[in-house]
Amino acid sequence: MKAIEYENELYQDIVQEDFIDAYKNLTYKGVMALKWISTYCPQTKYVLKVDDDIVVNTFTLVNHLKFLDKHTPNKQSTILCLLWQAMGVMRDSKSKWYLSKEDFPLDKFPPYCSGS
């Protein structure tokens, strides 16, 4: 038995979808996670998504969430993130963030949440 199959059989903690695990498919991973959370954890009050190279100040985070609990009227639709605005599109074909004009014709992205 493969190690991953053993892990899944033992702990049932593996979430898997049908797409190639590649850098360009990170959006699929994020959507997959949100779909899984909304299906299996609908009563969850908070979800935190961070990369393994990010440090979270949990004390500040908890204080901020307590503040939001008191001052945010519609908590179910709140998403917190670092918002990038008017970011230029990478046109250098050697960059891992390269986008052709065919794939994305604008020179700047609309506002979006940082992926980290």
PDB file of N, CA and C in Angstrom:
ATOM      1  N   MET A   1       0.840  -1.176   0.000  1.00  0.00           N
ATOM      2  CA  MET A   1       0.000   0.000   0.000  1.00  0.00           C
ATOM      3  C   MET A   1       0.891   1.247   0.000  1.00  0.00           C
ATOM      4  N   LYS A   2       0.535   2.213  -0.849  1.00  0.00           N
ATOM      5  CA  LYS A   2       1.292   3.463  -0.902  1.00  0.00           C
ATOM      6  C   LYS A   2       1.094   4.247   0.387  1.00  0.00           C
ATOM      7  N   ALA A   3       2.098   5.037   0.721  1.00  0.00           N
ATOM      8  CA  ALA A   3       2.062   5.824   1.958  1.00  0.00           C
ATOM      9  C   ALA A   3       0.849   6.751   2.005  1.00  0.00           C
ATOM     10  N   ILE A   4       0.520   7.357   0.869  1.00  0.00           N
ATOM     11  CA  ILE A   4      -0.615   8.287   0.865  1.00  0.00           C
ATOM     12  C   ILE A   4      -1.940   7.552   1.071  1.00  0.00           C
ATOM     13  N   GLU A   5      -2.052   6.358   0.520  1.00  0.00           N
ATOM     14  CA  GLU A   5      -3.266   5.561   0.727  1.00  0.00           C
ATOM     15  C   GLU A   5      -3.381   5.136   2.187  1.00  0.00           C
ATOM     16  N   TYR A   6      -2.251   4.782   2.785  1.00  0.00           N
ATOM     17  CA  TYR A   6      -2.235   4.410   4.197  1.00  0.00           C
ATOM     18  C   TYR A   6      -2.654   5.598   5.064  1.00  0.00           C
ATOM     19  N   GLU A   7      -2.093   6.758   4.768  1.00  0.00           N
ATOM     20  CA  GLU A   7      -2.454   7.990   5.493  1.00  0.00           C
ATOM     21  C   GLU A   7      -3.960   8.228   5.426  1.00  0.00           C
ATOM     22  N   ASN A   8      -4.517   8.123   4.227  1.00  0.00           N
ATOM     23  CA  ASN A   8      -5.947   8.369   4.049  1.00  0.00           C
ATOM     24  C   ASN A   8      -6.788   7.329   4.783  1.00  0.00           C
ATOM     25  N   GLU A   9      -6.380   6.083   4.716  1.00  0.00           N
ATOM     26  CA  GLU A   9      -7.122   5.024   5.399  1.00  0.00           C
ATOM     27  C   GLU A   9      -7.065   5.206   6.916  1.00  0.00           C
ATOM     28  N   LEU A  10      -5.914   5.594   7.417  1.00  0.00           N
ATOM     29  CA  LEU A  10      -5.719   5.731   8.855  1.00  0.00           C
ATOM     30  C   LEU A  10      -6.420   6.966   9.430  1.00  0.00           C
ATOM     31  N   TYR A  11      -6.267   8.112   8.767  1.00  0.00           N
ATOM     32  CA  TYR A  11      -6.764   9.369   9.334  1.00  0.00           C
ATOM     33  C   TYR A  11      -7.935   9.989   8.568  1.00  0.00           C
ATOM     34  N   GLN A  12      -8.157   9.553   7.347  1.00  0.00           N
ATOM     35  CA  GLN A  12      -9.203  10.117   6.480  1.00  0.00           C
ATOM     36  C   GLN A  12      -9.107  11.645   6.442  1.00  0.00           C
ATOM     37  N   ASP A  13      -7.888  12.135   6.223  1.00  0.00           N
ATOM     38  CA  ASP A  13      -7.655  13.580   6.249  1.00  0.00           C
ATOM     39  C   ASP A  13      -7.084  14.130   4.940  1.00  0.00           C
ATOM     40  N   ILE A  14      -7.287  13.421   3.859  1.00  0.00           N
ATOM     41  CA  ILE A  14      -6.767  13.873   2.572  1.00  0.00           C
ATOM     42  C   ILE A  14      -7.929  14.344   1.702  1.00  0.00           C
ATOM     43  N   VAL A  15      -7.797  15.554   1.191  1.00  0.00           N
ATOM     44  CA  VAL A  15      -8.789  16.129   0.292  1.00  0.00           C
ATOM     45  C   VAL A  15      -8.151  16.164  -1.089  1.00  0.00           C
ATOM     46  N   GLN A  16      -8.850  15.612  -2.077  1.00  0.00           N
ATOM     47  CA  GLN A  16      -8.249  15.487  -3.402  1.00  0.00           C
ATOM     48  C   GLN A  16      -9.277  15.822  -4.472  1.00  0.00           C
ATOM     49  N   GLU A  17      -8.835  16.492  -5.518  1.00  0.00           N
ATOM     50  CA  GLU A  17      -9.663  16.811  -6.679  1.00  0.00           C
ATOM     51  C   GLU A  17      -8.937  16.341  -7.935  1.00  0.00           C
ATOM     52  N   ASP A  18      -9.614  16.450  -9.050  1.00  0.00           N
ATOM     53  CA  ASP A  18      -9.068  15.946 -10.305  1.00  0.00           C
ATOM     54  C   ASP A  18      -8.432  17.073 -11.127  1.00  0.00           C
ATOM     55  N   PHE A  19      -7.224  17.473 -10.749  1.00  0.00           N
ATOM     56  CA  PHE A  19      -6.434  18.412 -11.540  1.00  0.00           C
ATOM     57  C   PHE A  19      -4.966  18.194 -11.203  1.00  0.00           C
ATOM     58  N   ILE A  20      -4.100  18.621 -12.090  1.00  0.00           N
ATOM     59  CA  ILE A  20      -2.665  18.445 -11.892  1.00  0.00           C
ATOM     60  C   ILE A  20      -2.180  19.428 -10.828  1.00  0.00           C
ATOM     61  N   ASP A  21      -1.384  18.934  -9.888  1.00  0.00           N
ATOM     62  CA  ASP A  21      -0.827  19.774  -8.832  1.00  0.00           C
ATOM     63  C   ASP A  21       0.354  20.553  -9.406  1.00  0.00           C
ATOM     64  N   ALA A  22       0.068  21.757  -9.897  1.00  0.00           N
ATOM     65  CA  ALA A  22       1.086  22.600 -10.524  1.00  0.00           C
ATOM     66  C   ALA A  22       0.880  24.043 -10.074  1.00  0.00           C
ATOM     67  N   TYR A  23       1.934  24.834 -10.140  1.00  0.00           N
ATOM     68  CA  TYR A  23       1.872  26.229  -9.699  1.00  0.00           C
ATOM     69  C   TYR A  23       0.726  26.988 -10.366  1.00  0.00           C
ATOM     70  N   LYS A  24       0.548  26.776 -11.654  1.00  0.00           N
ATOM     71  CA  LYS A  24      -0.499  27.495 -12.388  1.00  0.00           C
ATOM     72  C   LYS A  24      -1.906  27.064 -11.982  1.00  0.00           C
ATOM     73  N   ASN A  25      -2.021  25.991 -11.195  1.00  0.00           N
ATOM     74  CA  ASN A  25      -3.333  25.517 -10.744  1.00  0.00           C
ATOM     75  C   ASN A  25      -3.618  25.865  -9.284  1.00  0.00           C
ATOM     76  N   LEU A  26      -2.868  26.793  -8.705  1.00  0.00           N
ATOM     77  CA  LEU A  26      -3.088  27.161  -7.305  1.00  0.00           C
ATOM     78  C   LEU A  26      -4.507  27.670  -7.059  1.00  0.00           C
ATOM     79  N   THR A  27      -5.081  28.352  -8.035  1.00  0.00           N
ATOM     80  CA  THR A  27      -6.457  28.829  -7.885  1.00  0.00           C
ATOM     81  C   THR A  27      -7.403  27.663  -7.656  1.00  0.00           C
ATOM     82  N   TYR A  28      -7.178  26.556  -8.373  1.00  0.00           N
ATOM     83  CA  TYR A  28      -8.027  25.375  -8.180  1.00  0.00           C
ATOM     84  C   TYR A  28      -7.935  24.864  -6.747  1.00  0.00           C
ATOM     85  N   LYS A  29      -6.738  24.899  -6.185  1.00  0.00           N
ATOM     86  CA  LYS A  29      -6.571  24.451  -4.793  1.00  0.00           C
ATOM     87  C   LYS A  29      -7.370  25.330  -3.840  1.00  0.00           C
ATOM     88  N   GLY A  30      -7.310  26.631  -4.056  1.00  0.00           N
ATOM     89  CA  GLY A  30      -8.057  27.548  -3.199  1.00  0.00           C
ATOM     90  C   GLY A  30      -9.553  27.339  -3.293  1.00  0.00           C
ATOM     91  N   VAL A  31     -10.047  27.193  -4.510  1.00  0.00           N
ATOM     92  CA  VAL A  31     -11.479  26.944  -4.713  1.00  0.00           C
ATOM     93  C   VAL A  31     -11.866  25.603  -4.105  1.00  0.00           C
ATOM     94  N   MET A  32     -11.019  24.592  -4.290  1.00  0.00           N
ATOM     95  CA  MET A  32     -11.282  23.273  -3.712  1.00  0.00           C
ATOM     96  C   MET A  32     -11.398  23.372  -2.195  1.00  0.00           C
ATOM     97  N   ALA A  33     -10.500  24.119  -1.573  1.00  0.00           N
ATOM     98  CA  ALA A  33     -10.530  24.268  -0.113  1.00  0.00           C
ATOM     99  C   ALA A  33     -11.811  24.957   0.339  1.00  0.00           C
ATOM    100  N   LEU A  34     -12.193  26.039  -0.338  1.00  0.00           N
ATOM    101  CA  LEU A  34     -13.423  26.741   0.034  1.00  0.00           C
ATOM    102  C   LEU A  34     -14.652  25.860  -0.155  1.00  0.00           C
ATOM    103  N   LYS A  35     -14.661  25.096  -1.230  1.00  0.00           N
ATOM    104  CA  LYS A  35     -15.782  24.179  -1.478  1.00  0.00           C
ATOM    105  C   LYS A  35     -15.867  23.128  -0.374  1.00  0.00           C
ATOM    106  N   TRP A  36     -14.722  22.557  -0.015  1.00  0.00           N
ATOM    107  CA  TRP A  36     -14.688  21.534   1.028  1.00  0.00           C
ATOM    108  C   TRP A  36     -15.142  22.117   2.367  1.00  0.00           C
ATOM    109  N   ILE A  37     -14.648  23.293   2.702  1.00  0.00           N
ATOM    110  CA  ILE A  37     -15.010  23.939   3.969  1.00  0.00           C
ATOM    111  C   ILE A  37     -16.504  24.240   4.015  1.00  0.00           C
ATOM    112  N   SER A  38     -17.052  24.778   2.928  1.00  0.00           N
ATOM    113  CA  SER A  38     -18.483  25.110   2.936  1.00  0.00           C
ATOM    114  C   SER A  38     -19.356  23.864   3.004  1.00  0.00           C
ATOM    115  N   THR A  39     -18.862  22.742   2.499  1.00  0.00           N
ATOM    116  CA  THR A  39     -19.624  21.491   2.547  1.00  0.00           C
ATOM    117  C   THR A  39     -19.507  20.807   3.900  1.00  0.00           C
ATOM    118  N   TYR A  40     -18.303  20.689   4.422  1.00  0.00           N
ATOM    119  CA  TYR A  40     -18.065  19.880   5.621  1.00  0.00           C
ATOM    120  C   TYR A  40     -17.909  20.683   6.916  1.00  0.00           C
ATOM    121  N   CYS A  41     -17.773  21.987   6.804  1.00  0.00           N
ATOM    122  CA  CYS A  41     -17.598  22.821   8.010  1.00  0.00           C
ATOM    123  C   CYS A  41     -18.491  24.065   7.935  1.00  0.00           C
ATOM    124  N   PRO A  42     -19.777  23.905   7.638  1.00  0.00           N
ATOM    125  CA  PRO A  42     -20.617  25.089   7.416  1.00  0.00           C
ATOM    126  C   PRO A  42     -20.780  25.987   8.641  1.00  0.00           C
ATOM    127  N   GLN A  43     -20.585  25.455   9.831  1.00  0.00           N
ATOM    128  CA  GLN A  43     -20.749  26.256  11.048  1.00  0.00           C
ATOM    129  C   GLN A  43     -19.443  26.894  11.517  1.00  0.00           C
ATOM    130  N   THR A  44     -18.374  26.665  10.789  1.00  0.00           N
ATOM    131  CA  THR A  44     -17.076  27.219  11.171  1.00  0.00           C
ATOM    132  C   THR A  44     -17.136  28.740  11.153  1.00  0.00           C
ATOM    133  N   LYS A  45     -16.681  29.336  12.234  1.00  0.00           N
ATOM    134  CA  LYS A  45     -16.743  30.789  12.356  1.00  0.00           C
ATOM    135  C   LYS A  45     -15.641  31.467  11.544  1.00  0.00           C
ATOM    136  N   TYR A  46     -14.450  30.900  11.561  1.00  0.00           N
ATOM    137  CA  TYR A  46     -13.312  31.488  10.857  1.00  0.00           C
ATOM    138  C   TYR A  46     -12.550  30.414  10.096  1.00  0.00           C
ATOM    139  N   VAL A  47     -11.975  30.830   8.983  1.00  0.00           N
ATOM    140  CA  VAL A  47     -11.061  29.979   8.224  1.00  0.00           C
ATOM    141  C   VAL A  47      -9.829  30.830   7.939  1.00  0.00           C
ATOM    142  N   LEU A  48      -8.672  30.284   8.205  1.00  0.00           N
ATOM    143  CA  LEU A  48      -7.418  30.992   7.949  1.00  0.00           C
ATOM    144  C   LEU A  48      -6.622  30.200   6.927  1.00  0.00           C
ATOM    145  N   LYS A  49      -6.265  30.851   5.831  1.00  0.00           N
ATOM    146  CA  LYS A  49      -5.446  30.219   4.800  1.00  0.00           C
ATOM    147  C   LYS A  49      -4.130  30.979   4.733  1.00  0.00           C
ATOM    148  N   VAL A  50      -3.041  30.298   4.999  1.00  0.00           N
ATOM    149  CA  VAL A  50      -1.714  30.903   4.890  1.00  0.00           C
ATOM    150  C   VAL A  50      -0.765  29.910   4.236  1.00  0.00           C
ATOM    151  N   ASP A  51       0.272  30.433   3.637  1.00  0.00           N
ATOM    152  CA  ASP A  51       1.312  29.581   3.066  1.00  0.00           C
ATOM    153  C   ASP A  51       2.307  29.187   4.151  1.00  0.00           C
ATOM    154  N   ASP A  52       3.114  28.190   3.850  1.00  0.00           N
ATOM    155  CA  ASP A  52       4.083  27.703   4.842  1.00  0.00           C
ATOM    156  C   ASP A  52       5.253  28.663   5.053  1.00  0.00           C
ATOM    157  N   ASP A  53       5.358  29.690   4.233  1.00  0.00           N
ATOM    158  CA  ASP A  53       6.443  30.660   4.415  1.00  0.00           C
ATOM    159  C   ASP A  53       5.937  31.988   4.997  1.00  0.00           C
ATOM    160  N   ILE A  54       4.771  31.955   5.611  1.00  0.00           N
ATOM    161  CA  ILE A  54       4.161  33.139   6.214  1.00  0.00           C
ATOM    162  C   ILE A  54       4.120  32.975   7.730  1.00  0.00           C
ATOM    163  N   VAL A  55       4.422  34.056   8.442  1.00  0.00           N
ATOM    164  CA  VAL A  55       4.339  34.058   9.903  1.00  0.00           C
ATOM    165  C   VAL A  55       3.069  34.808  10.296  1.00  0.00           C
ATOM    166  N   VAL A  56       2.274  34.214  11.175  1.00  0.00           N
ATOM    167  CA  VAL A  56       1.033  34.830  11.638  1.00  0.00           C
ATOM    168  C   VAL A  56       1.200  35.244  13.097  1.00  0.00           C
ATOM    169  N   ASN A  57       0.921  36.499  13.375  1.00  0.00           N
ATOM    170  CA  ASN A  57       0.907  36.977  14.755  1.00  0.00           C
ATOM    171  C   ASN A  57      -0.478  36.638  15.307  1.00  0.00           C
ATOM    172  N   THR A  58      -0.582  35.511  15.988  1.00  0.00           N
ATOM    173  CA  THR A  58      -1.887  35.022  16.436  1.00  0.00           C
ATOM    174  C   THR A  58      -2.530  35.956  17.460  1.00  0.00           C
ATOM    175  N   PHE A  59      -1.738  36.624  18.269  1.00  0.00           N
ATOM    176  CA  PHE A  59      -2.302  37.550  19.256  1.00  0.00           C
ATOM    177  C   PHE A  59      -3.004  38.717  18.556  1.00  0.00           C
ATOM    178  N   THR A  60      -2.344  39.290  17.567  1.00  0.00           N
ATOM    179  CA  THR A  60      -2.945  40.386  16.808  1.00  0.00           C
ATOM    180  C   THR A  60      -4.158  39.890  16.029  1.00  0.00           C
ATOM    181  N   LEU A  61      -4.042  38.713  15.446  1.00  0.00           N
ATOM    182  CA  LEU A  61      -5.151  38.147  14.688  1.00  0.00           C
ATOM    183  C   LEU A  61      -6.386  37.961  15.569  1.00  0.00           C
ATOM    184  N   VAL A  62      -6.213  37.367  16.736  1.00  0.00           N
ATOM    185  CA  VAL A  62      -7.338  37.144  17.652  1.00  0.00           C
ATOM    186  C   VAL A  62      -7.954  38.474  18.077  1.00  0.00           C
ATOM    187  N   ASN A  63      -7.125  39.456  18.399  1.00  0.00           N
ATOM    188  CA  ASN A  63      -7.653  40.773  18.768  1.00  0.00           C
ATOM    189  C   ASN A  63      -8.447  41.398  17.626  1.00  0.00           C
ATOM    190  N   HIS A  64      -7.945  41.256  16.419  1.00  0.00           N
ATOM    191  CA  HIS A  64      -8.637  41.806  15.251  1.00  0.00           C
ATOM    192  C   HIS A  64      -9.972  41.092  15.030  1.00  0.00           C
ATOM    193  N   LEU A  65      -9.990  39.788  15.181  1.00  0.00           N
ATOM    194  CA  LEU A  65     -11.241  39.039  15.006  1.00  0.00           C
ATOM    195  C   LEU A  65     -12.261  39.406  16.081  1.00  0.00           C
ATOM    196  N   LYS A  66     -11.808  39.611  17.296  1.00  0.00           N
ATOM    197  CA  LYS A  66     -12.719  40.057  18.365  1.00  0.00           C
ATOM    198  C   LYS A  66     -13.309  41.426  18.031  1.00  0.00           C
ATOM    199  N   PHE A  67     -12.474  42.317  17.511  1.00  0.00           N
ATOM    200  CA  PHE A  67     -12.950  43.638  17.092  1.00  0.00           C
ATOM    201  C   PHE A  67     -14.002  43.496  15.993  1.00  0.00           C
ATOM    202  N   LEU A  68     -13.721  42.656  15.009  1.00  0.00           N
ATOM    203  CA  LEU A  68     -14.670  42.457  13.913  1.00  0.00           C
ATOM    204  C   LEU A  68     -15.983  41.870  14.397  1.00  0.00           C
ATOM    205  N   ASP A  69     -15.913  40.957  15.361  1.00  0.00           N
ATOM    206  CA  ASP A  69     -17.136  40.377  15.920  1.00  0.00           C
ATOM    207  C   ASP A  69     -18.065  41.467  16.458  1.00  0.00           C
ATOM    208  N   LYS A  70     -17.481  42.490  17.036  1.00  0.00           N
ATOM    209  CA  LYS A  70     -18.282  43.571  17.619  1.00  0.00           C
ATOM    210  C   LYS A  70     -18.752  44.585  16.579  1.00  0.00           C
ATOM    211  N   HIS A  71     -17.979  44.776  15.506  1.00  0.00           N
ATOM    212  CA  HIS A  71     -18.230  45.897  14.604  1.00  0.00           C
ATOM    213  C   HIS A  71     -18.599  45.532  13.167  1.00  0.00           C
ATOM    214  N   THR A  72     -18.705  44.269  12.840  1.00  0.00           N
ATOM    215  CA  THR A  72     -19.040  43.875  11.474  1.00  0.00           C
ATOM    216  C   THR A  72     -20.458  43.324  11.443  1.00  0.00           C
ATOM    217  N   PRO A  73     -21.381  44.006  10.750  1.00  0.00           N
ATOM    218  CA  PRO A  73     -22.779  43.574  10.778  1.00  0.00           C
ATOM    219  C   PRO A  73     -23.042  42.237  10.079  1.00  0.00           C
ATOM    220  N   ASN A  74     -22.394  41.975   8.956  1.00  0.00           N
ATOM    221  CA  ASN A  74     -22.663  40.751   8.199  1.00  0.00           C
ATOM    222  C   ASN A  74     -21.400  39.909   8.131  1.00  0.00           C
ATOM    223  N   LYS A  75     -21.117  39.204   9.205  1.00  0.00           N
ATOM    224  CA  LYS A  75     -19.864  38.449   9.307  1.00  0.00           C
ATOM    225  C   LYS A  75     -19.772  37.305   8.302  1.00  0.00           C
ATOM    226  N   GLN A  76     -20.896  36.788   7.843  1.00  0.00           N
ATOM    227  CA  GLN A  76     -20.857  35.629   6.947  1.00  0.00           C
ATOM    228  C   GLN A  76     -20.252  35.958   5.588  1.00  0.00           C
ATOM    229  N   SER A  77     -20.196  37.214   5.233  1.00  0.00           N
ATOM    230  CA  SER A  77     -19.671  37.552   3.912  1.00  0.00           C
ATOM    231  C   SER A  77     -18.356  38.326   3.985  1.00  0.00           C
ATOM    232  N   THR A  78     -17.639  38.176   5.063  1.00  0.00           N
ATOM    233  CA  THR A  78     -16.400  38.926   5.244  1.00  0.00           C
ATOM    234  C   THR A  78     -15.189  38.102   4.818  1.00  0.00           C
ATOM    235  N   ILE A  79     -14.379  38.684   3.957  1.00  0.00           N
ATOM    236  CA  ILE A  79     -13.106  38.081   3.572  1.00  0.00           C
ATOM    237  C   ILE A  79     -12.026  39.106   3.885  1.00  0.00           C
ATOM    238  N   LEU A  80     -11.019  38.680   4.625  1.00  0.00           N
ATOM    239  CA  LEU A  80      -9.907  39.559   4.967  1.00  0.00           C
ATOM    240  C   LEU A  80      -8.680  39.115   4.190  1.00  0.00           C
ATOM    241  N   CYS A  81      -7.993  40.072   3.600  1.00  0.00           N
ATOM    242  CA  CYS A  81      -6.797  39.719   2.839  1.00  0.00           C
ATOM    243  C   CYS A  81      -5.966  40.973   2.610  1.00  0.00           C
ATOM    244  N   LEU A  82      -4.773  40.761   2.123  1.00  0.00           N
ATOM    245  CA  LEU A  82      -3.974  41.869   1.627  1.00  0.00           C
ATOM    246  C   LEU A  82      -4.474  42.136   0.212  1.00  0.00           C
ATOM    247  N   LEU A  83      -5.032  43.310  -0.009  1.00  0.00           N
ATOM    248  CA  LEU A  83      -5.633  43.637  -1.300  1.00  0.00           C
ATOM    249  C   LEU A  83      -4.615  44.322  -2.203  1.00  0.00           C
ATOM    250  N   TRP A  84      -4.342  43.687  -3.323  1.00  0.00           N
ATOM    251  CA  TRP A  84      -3.463  44.283  -4.332  1.00  0.00           C
ATOM    252  C   TRP A  84      -4.337  45.094  -5.284  1.00  0.00           C
ATOM    253  N   GLN A  85      -3.908  46.320  -5.593  1.00  0.00           N
ATOM    254  CA  GLN A  85      -4.681  47.177  -6.489  1.00  0.00           C
ATOM    255  C   GLN A  85      -3.786  47.720  -7.598  1.00  0.00           C
ATOM    256  N   ALA A  86      -4.324  47.752  -8.797  1.00  0.00           N
ATOM    257  CA  ALA A  86      -3.635  48.308  -9.972  1.00  0.00           C
ATOM    258  C   ALA A  86      -2.267  47.672 -10.196  1.00  0.00           C
ATOM    259  N   MET A  87      -2.172  46.381  -9.962  1.00  0.00           N
ATOM    260  CA  MET A  87      -0.904  45.673 -10.170  1.00  0.00           C
ATOM    261  C   MET A  87      -0.697  45.421 -11.663  1.00  0.00           C
ATOM    262  N   GLY A  88       0.513  45.691 -12.123  1.00  0.00           N
ATOM    263  CA  GLY A  88       0.837  45.479 -13.522  1.00  0.00           C
ATOM    264  C   GLY A  88       0.932  43.999 -13.867  1.00  0.00           C
ATOM    265  N   VAL A  89       0.616  43.683 -15.095  1.00  0.00           N
ATOM    266  CA  VAL A  89       0.668  42.312 -15.593  1.00  0.00           C
ATOM    267  C   VAL A  89       2.082  42.015 -16.081  1.00  0.00           C
ATOM    268  N   MET A  90       2.616  40.861 -15.711  1.00  0.00           N
ATOM    269  CA  MET A  90       3.973  40.466 -16.095  1.00  0.00           C
ATOM    270  C   MET A  90       3.962  39.974 -17.543  1.00  0.00           C
ATOM    271  N   ARG A  91       4.695  40.665 -18.391  1.00  0.00           N
ATOM    272  CA  ARG A  91       4.753  40.301 -19.815  1.00  0.00           C
ATOM    273  C   ARG A  91       6.084  39.657 -20.199  1.00  0.00           C
ATOM    274  N   ASP A  92       6.990  39.490 -19.255  1.00  0.00           N
ATOM    275  CA  ASP A  92       8.278  38.839 -19.518  1.00  0.00           C
ATOM    276  C   ASP A  92       8.049  37.331 -19.578  1.00  0.00           C
ATOM    277  N   SER A  93       8.215  36.748 -20.739  1.00  0.00           N
ATOM    278  CA  SER A  93       7.909  35.325 -20.938  1.00  0.00           C
ATOM    279  C   SER A  93       8.795  34.392 -20.109  1.00  0.00           C
ATOM    280  N   LYS A  94       9.870  34.901 -19.531  1.00  0.00           N
ATOM    281  CA  LYS A  94      10.737  34.067 -18.692  1.00  0.00           C
ATOM    282  C   LYS A  94      10.271  34.026 -17.234  1.00  0.00           C
ATOM    283  N   SER A  95       9.319  34.872 -16.885  1.00  0.00           N
ATOM    284  CA  SER A  95       8.825  34.942 -15.509  1.00  0.00           C
ATOM    285  C   SER A  95       7.779  33.854 -15.251  1.00  0.00           C
ATOM    286  N   LYS A  96       7.772  33.322 -14.025  1.00  0.00           N
ATOM    287  CA  LYS A  96       6.751  32.317 -13.699  1.00  0.00           C
ATOM    288  C   LYS A  96       5.371  32.963 -13.583  1.00  0.00           C
ATOM    289  N   TRP A  97       5.299  34.291 -13.509  1.00  0.00           N
ATOM    290  CA  TRP A  97       4.025  35.004 -13.442  1.00  0.00           C
ATOM    291  C   TRP A  97       3.621  35.586 -14.800  1.00  0.00           C
ATOM    292  N   TYR A  98       4.292  35.167 -15.852  1.00  0.00           N
ATOM    293  CA  TYR A  98       4.023  35.675 -17.198  1.00  0.00           C
ATOM    294  C   TYR A  98       2.583  35.405 -17.619  1.00  0.00           C
ATOM    295  N   LEU A  99       1.967  36.427 -18.219  1.00  0.00           N
ATOM    296  CA  LEU A  99       0.657  36.291 -18.848  1.00  0.00           C
ATOM    297  C   LEU A  99       0.725  36.955 -20.218  1.00  0.00           C
ATOM    298  N   SER A 100       0.300  36.242 -21.221  1.00  0.00           N
ATOM    299  CA  SER A 100       0.283  36.816 -22.564  1.00  0.00           C
ATOM    300  C   SER A 100      -0.916  37.759 -22.695  1.00  0.00           C
ATOM    301  N   LYS A 101      -0.867  38.609 -23.707  1.00  0.00           N
ATOM    302  CA  LYS A 101      -2.000  39.500 -24.006  1.00  0.00           C
ATOM    303  C   LYS A 101      -3.229  38.674 -24.378  1.00  0.00           C
ATOM    304  N   GLU A 102      -3.006  37.509 -24.976  1.00  0.00           N
ATOM    305  CA  GLU A 102      -4.132  36.625 -25.317  1.00  0.00           C
ATOM    306  C   GLU A 102      -4.834  36.125 -24.063  1.00  0.00           C
ATOM    307  N   ASP A 103      -4.043  35.727 -23.059  1.00  0.00           N
ATOM    308  CA  ASP A 103      -4.623  35.209 -21.821  1.00  0.00           C
ATOM    309  C   ASP A 103      -5.263  36.309 -20.979  1.00  0.00           C
ATOM    310  N   PHE A 104      -4.659  37.494 -20.985  1.00  0.00           N
ATOM    311  CA  PHE A 104      -5.176  38.617 -20.197  1.00  0.00           C
ATOM    312  C   PHE A 104      -4.813  39.905 -20.918  1.00  0.00           C
ATOM    313  N   PRO A 105      -5.756  40.530 -21.627  1.00  0.00           N
ATOM    314  CA  PRO A 105      -5.431  41.662 -22.494  1.00  0.00           C
ATOM    315  C   PRO A 105      -5.150  42.991 -21.782  1.00  0.00           C
ATOM    316  N   LEU A 106      -5.590  43.149 -20.534  1.00  0.00           N
ATOM    317  CA  LEU A 106      -5.386  44.422 -19.838  1.00  0.00           C
ATOM    318  C   LEU A 106      -3.946  44.551 -19.337  1.00  0.00           C
ATOM    319  N   ASP A 107      -3.514  45.782 -19.082  1.00  0.00           N
ATOM    320  CA  ASP A 107      -2.158  46.021 -18.578  1.00  0.00           C
ATOM    321  C   ASP A 107      -2.080  45.973 -17.057  1.00  0.00           C
ATOM    322  N   LYS A 108      -3.229  46.131 -16.400  1.00  0.00           N
ATOM    323  CA  LYS A 108      -3.284  46.076 -14.937  1.00  0.00           C
ATOM    324  C   LYS A 108      -4.410  45.134 -14.518  1.00  0.00           C
ATOM    325  N   PHE A 109      -4.185  44.443 -13.393  1.00  0.00           N
ATOM    326  CA  PHE A 109      -5.210  43.558 -12.857  1.00  0.00           C
ATOM    327  C   PHE A 109      -6.258  44.364 -12.098  1.00  0.00           C
ATOM    328  N   PRO A 110      -7.492  43.876 -12.067  1.00  0.00           N
ATOM    329  CA  PRO A 110      -8.458  44.473 -11.142  1.00  0.00           C
ATOM    330  C   PRO A 110      -8.017  44.132  -9.715  1.00  0.00           C
ATOM    331  N   PRO A 111      -8.562  44.792  -8.696  1.00  0.00           N
ATOM    332  CA  PRO A 111      -8.167  44.469  -7.316  1.00  0.00           C
ATOM    333  C   PRO A 111      -8.347  42.980  -7.014  1.00  0.00           C
ATOM    334  N   TYR A 112      -7.380  42.405  -6.288  1.00  0.00           N
ATOM    335  CA  TYR A 112      -7.470  40.988  -5.926  1.00  0.00           C
ATOM    336  C   TYR A 112      -6.730  40.729  -4.621  1.00  0.00           C
ATOM    337  N   CYS A 113      -7.112  39.649  -3.954  1.00  0.00           N
ATOM    338  CA  CYS A 113      -6.468  39.256  -2.702  1.00  0.00           C
ATOM    339  C   CYS A 113      -5.126  38.604  -2.991  1.00  0.00           C
ATOM    340  N   SER A 114      -4.135  38.948  -2.183  1.00  0.00           N
ATOM    341  CA  SER A 114      -2.836  38.298  -2.279  1.00  0.00           C
ATOM    342  C   SER A 114      -3.006  36.803  -2.035  1.00  0.00           C
ATOM    343  N   GLY A 115      -2.215  36.010  -2.696  1.00  0.00           N
ATOM    344  CA  GLY A 115      -2.302  34.559  -2.526  1.00  0.00           C
ATOM    345  C   GLY A 115      -1.529  34.033  -1.331  1.00  0.00           C
ATOM    346  N   SER A 116      -0.819  34.889  -0.620  1.00  0.00           N
ATOM    347  CA  SER A 116      -0.006  34.397   0.502  1.00  0.00           C
ATOM    348  C   SER A 116      -0.659  34.611   1.846  1.00  0.00           C
TER     349      SER A 116
END
